[in-house]
């Protein structure tokens, strides 16, 4: 059986975990479940998680993926952590506007902007 490609590229800078999607389309249920599990594992490992999720490589996002992001956001908040989203292309950002998720998530144009917005622990 072929090894599945990694769906997330995870890097740590100081106390911040930066997550980048490696797939252009986040549509398939199995992929989304896998991504959700990986993100949950990151949140659970951190005492007060600081996570930036970059959508720079993403062209398409399903509603199930949005549901997963909401779940991760809730987990981060329960641990008094901070979640930031960055590099969302205009078509995907439109979905955040329509669903009013732009009010739930803190969204920044670049990873650096998101990094600068994090509060020190």
Foldseek 3Di string as FASTA:
>chain_A
DDDDDDQWDWDDDPQAIEIEGPDQEADDPVSLVVVLVVLVVQLVVHQQYHYEYEDQNYDYYDVSNVVSVVVSLVSNVVSNHAYEYECDDPVVVVVCVVVVVCVVHHYYHDPVVSVVPGDDD
